[in-house]
Amino acid sequence: MIKAWVTSLDDATVVTTLARIAVVNPDPMALLDYLRQLCAEAHAYQSRMPERPGLAW
């Protein structure tokens, strides 16, 4: 499902996300917080998609 979520992102969002990761990377707590936000976005994406057998986290 994470692959499906990432695939759904447009190029500008991917670039912005990677740039943000680069900025927060030196601070472990900030990086962890941002990764939690990304996980929440992926989870929200999953909840908007119809269930398909065989797909799981």
PDB file of N, CA and C in Angstrom:
ATOM      1  N   MET A   1       0.817  -1.190   0.000  1.00  0.00           N
ATOM      2  CA  MET A   1       0.000   0.000   0.000  1.00  0.00           C
ATOM      3  C   MET A   1       0.866   1.261   0.000  1.00  0.00           C
ATOM      4  N   ILE A   2       1.997   1.205   0.657  1.00  0.00           N
ATOM      5  CA  ILE A   2       2.880   2.372   0.668  1.00  0.00           C
ATOM      6  C   ILE A   2       3.363   2.667  -0.751  1.00  0.00           C
ATOM      7  N   LYS A   3       3.683   1.618  -1.497  1.00  0.00           N
ATOM      8  CA  LYS A   3       4.109   1.812  -2.880  1.00  0.00           C
ATOM      9  C   LYS A   3       2.998   2.486  -3.689  1.00  0.00           C
ATOM     10  N   ALA A   4       1.748   2.064  -3.483  1.00  0.00           N
ATOM     11  CA  ALA A   4       0.615   2.672  -4.193  1.00  0.00           C
ATOM     12  C   ALA A   4       0.475   4.139  -3.803  1.00  0.00           C
ATOM     13  N   TRP A   5       0.640   4.443  -2.523  1.00  0.00           N
ATOM     14  CA  TRP A   5       0.532   5.831  -2.072  1.00  0.00           C
ATOM     15  C   TRP A   5       1.628   6.686  -2.702  1.00  0.00           C
ATOM     16  N   VAL A   6       2.874   6.201  -2.651  1.00  0.00           N
ATOM     17  CA  VAL A   6       3.986   6.965  -3.214  1.00  0.00           C
ATOM     18  C   VAL A   6       3.787   7.159  -4.714  1.00  0.00           C
ATOM     19  N   THR A   7       3.326   6.124  -5.388  1.00  0.00           N
ATOM     20  CA  THR A   7       3.078   6.218  -6.828  1.00  0.00           C
ATOM     21  C   THR A   7       2.018   7.269  -7.143  1.00  0.00           C
ATOM     22  N   SER A   8       1.091   7.470  -6.218  1.00  0.00           N
ATOM     23  CA  SER A   8       0.011   8.435  -6.448  1.00  0.00           C
ATOM     24  C   SER A   8       0.467   9.886  -6.311  1.00  0.00           C
ATOM     25  N   LEU A   9       1.653  10.108  -5.724  1.00  0.00           N
ATOM     26  CA  LEU A   9       2.131  11.470  -5.504  1.00  0.00           C
ATOM     27  C   LEU A   9       2.654  12.080  -6.806  1.00  0.00           C
ATOM     28  N   ASP A  10       2.405  13.371  -6.972  1.00  0.00           N
ATOM     29  CA  ASP A  10       2.957  14.039  -8.154  1.00  0.00           C
ATOM     30  C   ASP A  10       4.426  14.391  -7.902  1.00  0.00           C
ATOM     31  N   ASP A  11       5.122  14.712  -8.964  1.00  0.00           N
ATOM     32  CA  ASP A  11       6.564  14.981  -8.878  1.00  0.00           C
ATOM     33  C   ASP A  11       6.902  16.099  -7.898  1.00  0.00           C
ATOM     34  N   ALA A  12       6.120  17.154  -7.907  1.00  0.00           N
ATOM     35  CA  ALA A  12       6.397  18.286  -7.017  1.00  0.00           C
ATOM     36  C   ALA A  12       6.282  17.869  -5.555  1.00  0.00           C
ATOM     37  N   THR A  13       5.320  17.036  -5.233  1.00  0.00           N
ATOM     38  CA  THR A  13       5.151  16.563  -3.858  1.00  0.00           C
ATOM     39  C   THR A  13       6.323  15.683  -3.446  1.00  0.00           C
ATOM     40  N   VAL A  14       6.776  14.835  -4.346  1.00  0.00           N
ATOM     41  CA  VAL A  14       7.922  13.974  -4.046  1.00  0.00           C
ATOM     42  C   VAL A  14       9.167  14.822  -3.786  1.00  0.00           C
ATOM     43  N   VAL A  15       9.411  15.806  -4.626  1.00  0.00           N
ATOM     44  CA  VAL A  15      10.584  16.674  -4.451  1.00  0.00           C
ATOM     45  C   VAL A  15      10.482  17.435  -3.138  1.00  0.00           C
ATOM     46  N   THR A  16       9.327  17.971  -2.838  1.00  0.00           N
ATOM     47  CA  THR A  16       9.122  18.708  -1.590  1.00  0.00           C
ATOM     48  C   THR A  16       9.337  17.797  -0.381  1.00  0.00           C
ATOM     49  N   THR A  17       8.814  16.585  -0.455  1.00  0.00           N
ATOM     50  CA  THR A  17       8.956  15.633   0.648  1.00  0.00           C
ATOM     51  C   THR A  17      10.417  15.265   0.875  1.00  0.00           C
ATOM     52  N   LEU A  18      11.136  14.977  -0.203  1.00  0.00           N
ATOM     53  CA  LEU A  18      12.550  14.638  -0.066  1.00  0.00           C
ATOM     54  C   LEU A  18      13.365  15.813   0.456  1.00  0.00           C
ATOM     55  N   ALA A  19      13.027  17.011   0.022  1.00  0.00           N
ATOM     56  CA  ALA A  19      13.723  18.197   0.518  1.00  0.00           C
ATOM     57  C   ALA A  19      13.474  18.375   2.018  1.00  0.00           C
ATOM     58  N   ARG A  20      12.254  18.136   2.436  1.00  0.00           N
ATOM     59  CA  ARG A  20      11.908  18.248   3.864  1.00  0.00           C
ATOM     60  C   ARG A  20      12.667  17.203   4.687  1.00  0.00           C
ATOM     61  N   ILE A  21      12.763  15.976   4.160  1.00  0.00           N
ATOM     62  CA  ILE A  21      13.516  14.932   4.851  1.00  0.00           C
ATOM     63  C   ILE A  21      14.978  15.361   4.997  1.00  0.00           C
ATOM     64  N   ALA A  22      15.541  15.944   3.963  1.00  0.00           N
ATOM     65  CA  ALA A  22      16.934  16.405   4.020  1.00  0.00           C
ATOM     66  C   ALA A  22      17.115  17.477   5.084  1.00  0.00           C
ATOM     67  N   VAL A  23      16.132  18.352   5.234  1.00  0.00           N
ATOM     68  CA  VAL A  23      16.223  19.434   6.215  1.00  0.00           C
ATOM     69  C   VAL A  23      16.147  18.896   7.640  1.00  0.00           C
ATOM     70  N   VAL A  24      15.233  17.970   7.894  1.00  0.00           N
ATOM     71  CA  VAL A  24      15.040  17.487   9.264  1.00  0.00           C
ATOM     72  C   VAL A  24      15.963  16.324   9.617  1.00  0.00           C
ATOM     73  N   ASN A  25      16.652  15.759   8.643  1.00  0.00           N
ATOM     74  CA  ASN A  25      17.479  14.574   8.867  1.00  0.00           C
ATOM     75  C   ASN A  25      18.485  14.715  10.015  1.00  0.00           C
ATOM     76  N   PRO A  26      19.157  15.856  10.166  1.00  0.00           N
ATOM     77  CA  PRO A  26      20.140  15.962  11.256  1.00  0.00           C
ATOM     78  C   PRO A  26      19.513  15.896  12.662  1.00  0.00           C
ATOM     79  N   ASP A  27      18.230  16.148  12.764  1.00  0.00           N
ATOM     80  CA  ASP A  27      17.548  16.151  14.064  1.00  0.00           C
ATOM     81  C   ASP A  27      16.680  14.890  14.159  1.00  0.00           C
ATOM     82  N   PRO A  28      17.124  13.883  14.909  1.00  0.00           N
ATOM     83  CA  PRO A  28      16.391  12.619  14.955  1.00  0.00           C
ATOM     84  C   PRO A  28      14.923  12.761  15.372  1.00  0.00           C
ATOM     85  N   MET A  29      14.647  13.640  16.308  1.00  0.00           N
ATOM     86  CA  MET A  29      13.252  13.808  16.756  1.00  0.00           C
ATOM     87  C   MET A  29      12.401  14.458  15.669  1.00  0.00           C
ATOM     88  N   ALA A  30      12.948  15.451  14.978  1.00  0.00           N
ATOM     89  CA  ALA A  30      12.213  16.097  13.891  1.00  0.00           C
ATOM     90  C   ALA A  30      12.002  15.122  12.740  1.00  0.00           C
ATOM     91  N   LEU A  31      13.013  14.313  12.455  1.00  0.00           N
ATOM     92  CA  LEU A  31      12.881  13.323  11.394  1.00  0.00           C
ATOM     93  C   LEU A  31      11.805  12.305  11.753  1.00  0.00           C
ATOM     94  N   LEU A  32      11.826  11.820  12.975  1.00  0.00           N
ATOM     95  CA  LEU A  32      10.817  10.864  13.423  1.00  0.00           C
ATOM     96  C   LEU A  32       9.417  11.470  13.332  1.00  0.00           C
ATOM     97  N   ASP A  33       9.274  12.720  13.738  1.00  0.00           N
ATOM     98  CA  ASP A  33       7.984  13.397  13.658  1.00  0.00           C
ATOM     99  C   ASP A  33       7.509  13.498  12.212  1.00  0.00           C
ATOM    100  N   TYR A  34       8.407  13.854  11.314  1.00  0.00           N
ATOM    101  CA  TYR A  34       8.024  13.985   9.910  1.00  0.00           C
ATOM    102  C   TYR A  34       7.671  12.628   9.312  1.00  0.00           C
ATOM    103  N   LEU A  35       8.423  11.602   9.657  1.00  0.00           N
ATOM    104  CA  LEU A  35       8.098  10.260   9.164  1.00  0.00           C
ATOM    105  C   LEU A  35       6.745   9.792   9.683  1.00  0.00           C
ATOM    106  N   ARG A  36       6.410  10.176  10.902  1.00  0.00           N
ATOM    107  CA  ARG A  36       5.066   9.868  11.425  1.00  0.00           C
ATOM    108  C   ARG A  36       3.993  10.569  10.592  1.00  0.00           C
ATOM    109  N   GLN A  37       4.253  11.805  10.218  1.00  0.00           N
ATOM    110  CA  GLN A  37       3.297  12.538   9.382  1.00  0.00           C
ATOM    111  C   GLN A  37       3.116  11.838   8.033  1.00  0.00           C
ATOM    112  N   LEU A  38       4.219  11.384   7.455  1.00  0.00           N
ATOM    113  CA  LEU A  38       4.136  10.684   6.178  1.00  0.00           C
ATOM    114  C   LEU A  38       3.363   9.371   6.318  1.00  0.00           C
ATOM    115  N   CYS A  39       3.591   8.666   7.410  1.00  0.00           N
ATOM    116  CA  CYS A  39       2.838   7.428   7.662  1.00  0.00           C
ATOM    117  C   CYS A  39       1.346   7.722   7.794  1.00  0.00           C
ATOM    118  N   ALA A  40       1.013   8.814   8.451  1.00  0.00           N
ATOM    119  CA  ALA A  40      -0.393   9.201   8.584  1.00  0.00           C
ATOM    120  C   ALA A  40      -0.997   9.510   7.216  1.00  0.00           C
ATOM    121  N   GLU A  41      -0.235  10.164   6.352  1.00  0.00           N
ATOM    122  CA  GLU A  41      -0.722  10.447   5.002  1.00  0.00           C
ATOM    123  C   GLU A  41      -0.939   9.151   4.218  1.00  0.00           C
ATOM    124  N   ALA A  42      -0.013   8.213   4.346  1.00  0.00           N
ATOM    125  CA  ALA A  42      -0.155   6.927   3.663  1.00  0.00           C
ATOM    126  C   ALA A  42      -1.360   6.173   4.190  1.00  0.00           C
ATOM    127  N   HIS A  43      -1.566   6.227   5.488  1.00  0.00           N
ATOM    128  CA  HIS A  43      -2.723   5.558   6.088  1.00  0.00           C
ATOM    129  C   HIS A  43      -4.026   6.201   5.607  1.00  0.00           C
ATOM    130  N   ALA A  44      -4.047   7.519   5.527  1.00  0.00           N
ATOM    131  CA  ALA A  44      -5.238   8.218   5.024  1.00  0.00           C
ATOM    132  C   ALA A  44      -5.506   7.835   3.576  1.00  0.00           C
ATOM    133  N   TYR A  45      -4.454   7.712   2.785  1.00  0.00           N
ATOM    134  CA  TYR A  45      -4.599   7.283   1.397  1.00  0.00           C
ATOM    135  C   TYR A  45      -5.218   5.888   1.357  1.00  0.00           C
ATOM    136  N   GLN A  46      -4.702   5.000   2.193  1.00  0.00           N
ATOM    137  CA  GLN A  46      -5.218   3.629   2.234  1.00  0.00           C
ATOM    138  C   GLN A  46      -6.700   3.619   2.589  1.00  0.00           C
ATOM    139  N   SER A  47      -7.112   4.453   3.521  1.00  0.00           N
ATOM    140  CA  SER A  47      -8.510   4.454   3.947  1.00  0.00           C
ATOM    141  C   SER A  47      -9.443   4.991   2.854  1.00  0.00           C
ATOM    142  N   ARG A  48      -8.887   5.743   1.917  1.00  0.00           N
ATOM    143  CA  ARG A  48      -9.710   6.257   0.805  1.00  0.00           C
ATOM    144  C   ARG A  48      -9.824   5.252  -0.336  1.00  0.00           C
ATOM    145  N   MET A  49      -8.972   4.234  -0.337  1.00  0.00           N
ATOM    146  CA  MET A  49      -8.966   3.248  -1.420  1.00  0.00           C
ATOM    147  C   MET A  49      -9.878   2.076  -1.076  1.00  0.00           C
ATOM    148  N   PRO A  50     -10.584   1.547  -2.087  1.00  0.00           N
ATOM    149  CA  PRO A  50     -11.399   0.365  -1.817  1.00  0.00           C
ATOM    150  C   PRO A  50     -10.503  -0.814  -1.458  1.00  0.00           C
ATOM    151  N   GLU A  51     -10.994  -1.652  -0.567  1.00  0.00           N
ATOM    152  CA  GLU A  51     -10.206  -2.818  -0.159  1.00  0.00           C
ATOM    153  C   GLU A  51     -10.036  -3.785  -1.313  1.00  0.00           C
ATOM    154  N   ARG A  52      -8.813  -4.303  -1.422  1.00  0.00           N
ATOM    155  CA  ARG A  52      -8.525  -5.294  -2.440  1.00  0.00           C
ATOM    156  C   ARG A  52      -7.870  -6.478  -1.757  1.00  0.00           C
ATOM    157  N   PRO A  53      -8.360  -7.672  -2.011  1.00  0.00           N
ATOM    158  CA  PRO A  53      -7.769  -8.847  -1.379  1.00  0.00           C
ATOM    159  C   PRO A  53      -6.268  -8.959  -1.679  1.00  0.00           C
ATOM    160  N   GLY A  54      -5.530  -9.388  -0.690  1.00  0.00           N
ATOM    161  CA  GLY A  54      -4.107  -9.603  -0.891  1.00  0.00           C
ATOM    162  C   GLY A  54      -3.242  -8.385  -0.623  1.00  0.00           C
ATOM    163  N   LEU A  55      -3.829  -7.218  -0.461  1.00  0.00           N
ATOM    164  CA  LEU A  55      -3.032  -6.020  -0.164  1.00  0.00           C
ATOM    165  C   LEU A  55      -3.088  -5.768   1.329  1.00  0.00           C
ATOM    166  N   ALA A  56      -1.936  -5.653   1.918  1.00  0.00           N
ATOM    167  CA  ALA A  56      -1.860  -5.375   3.347  1.00  0.00           C
ATOM    168  C   ALA A  56      -0.618  -4.541   3.613  1.00  0.00           C
ATOM    169  N   TRP A  57      -0.549  -3.941   4.776  1.00  0.00           N
ATOM    170  CA  TRP A  57       0.623  -3.187   5.186  1.00  0.00           C
ATOM    171  C   TRP A  57       1.629  -4.183   5.527  1.00  0.00           C
TER     172      TRP A  57
END
